[in-house]
Amino acid sequence: MICVADSFDAMNSNRVYRKKLTRELVLAELEKNRGTQFDPRVADVMLGLLRDGRIKIGE
């Protein structure tokens, strides 16, 4: 859970070396790494929350 949350925060935040990622890129990264970097069950919950708008991307 912490890995998914920390990765989401990193992708959804401006950094010194890059701007935050778009909504599409955040979702794509979570999907791409589901089952490898991220536990698939946790990634599915996060993806569901993001798609339902219960967690906002870019705010």
Protein backbone atom coordinates (compact mmCIF):
# COMPACT_ATOMS: atom_id res chain seq x y z
CA MET A 1 0.00 0.00 0.00
CA ILE A 2 2.77 2.39 0.91
CA CYS A 3 4.59 1.74 -2.37
CA VAL A 4 1.49 2.54 -4.43
CA ALA A 5 0.67 5.64 -2.37
CA ASP A 6 4.26 6.92 -2.47
CA SER A 7 4.53 6.33 -6.20
CA PHE A 8 1.22 8.10 -6.81
CA ASP A 9 2.40 11.06 -4.75
CA ALA A 10 5.67 11.22 -6.69
CA MET A 11 3.87 11.08 -10.05
CA ASN A 12 1.23 13.60 -8.95
CA SER A 13 3.72 16.17 -7.62
CA ASN A 14 5.96 18.68 -9.33
CA ARG A 15 9.61 17.85 -8.88
CA VAL A 16 12.71 19.94 -9.42
CA TYR A 17 13.56 17.83 -12.46
CA ARG A 18 10.05 17.49 -14.00
CA LYS A 19 6.44 18.59 -13.84
CA LYS A 20 3.78 16.29 -12.39
CA LEU A 21 2.44 13.68 -14.76
CA THR A 22 -0.90 13.95 -16.50
CA ARG A 23 -3.88 11.93 -15.34
CA GLU A 24 -3.45 9.58 -18.31
CA LEU A 25 0.22 8.96 -17.54
CA VAL A 26 -0.42 8.31 -13.84
CA LEU A 27 -3.10 5.74 -14.68
CA ALA A 28 -0.90 4.17 -17.36
CA GLU A 29 2.06 3.82 -14.97
CA LEU A 30 -0.09 2.19 -12.31
CA GLU A 31 -1.51 -0.21 -14.90
CA LYS A 32 1.90 -0.97 -16.43
CA ASN A 33 3.51 -1.80 -13.07
CA ARG A 34 0.51 -3.65 -11.61
CA GLY A 35 1.73 -7.13 -10.70
CA THR A 36 5.43 -6.25 -10.92
CA GLN A 37 6.31 -3.16 -8.90
CA PHE A 38 2.86 -2.93 -7.27
CA ASP A 39 0.73 -5.60 -5.64
CA PRO A 40 -2.08 -6.09 -8.17
CA ARG A 41 -4.83 -5.97 -5.54
CA VAL A 42 -3.57 -2.69 -4.11
CA ALA A 43 -3.05 -1.22 -7.58
CA ASP A 44 -6.61 -2.21 -8.53
CA VAL A 45 -8.02 -0.43 -5.47
CA MET A 46 -5.99 2.71 -6.23
CA LEU A 47 -6.97 2.64 -9.91
CA GLY A 48 -10.63 2.29 -8.92
CA LEU A 49 -10.43 5.24 -6.52
CA LEU A 50 -8.74 7.38 -9.16
CA ARG A 51 -11.20 6.43 -11.91
CA ASP A 52 -14.20 7.04 -9.62
CA GLY A 53 -12.84 10.49 -8.77
CA ARG A 54 -12.57 9.69 -5.06
CA ILE A 55 -8.87 10.54 -5.30
CA LYS A 56 -8.10 13.50 -7.53
CA ILE A 57 -5.15 13.64 -9.87
CA GLY A 58 -3.47 17.00 -10.27
CA GLU A 59 -4.91 18.66 -7.18
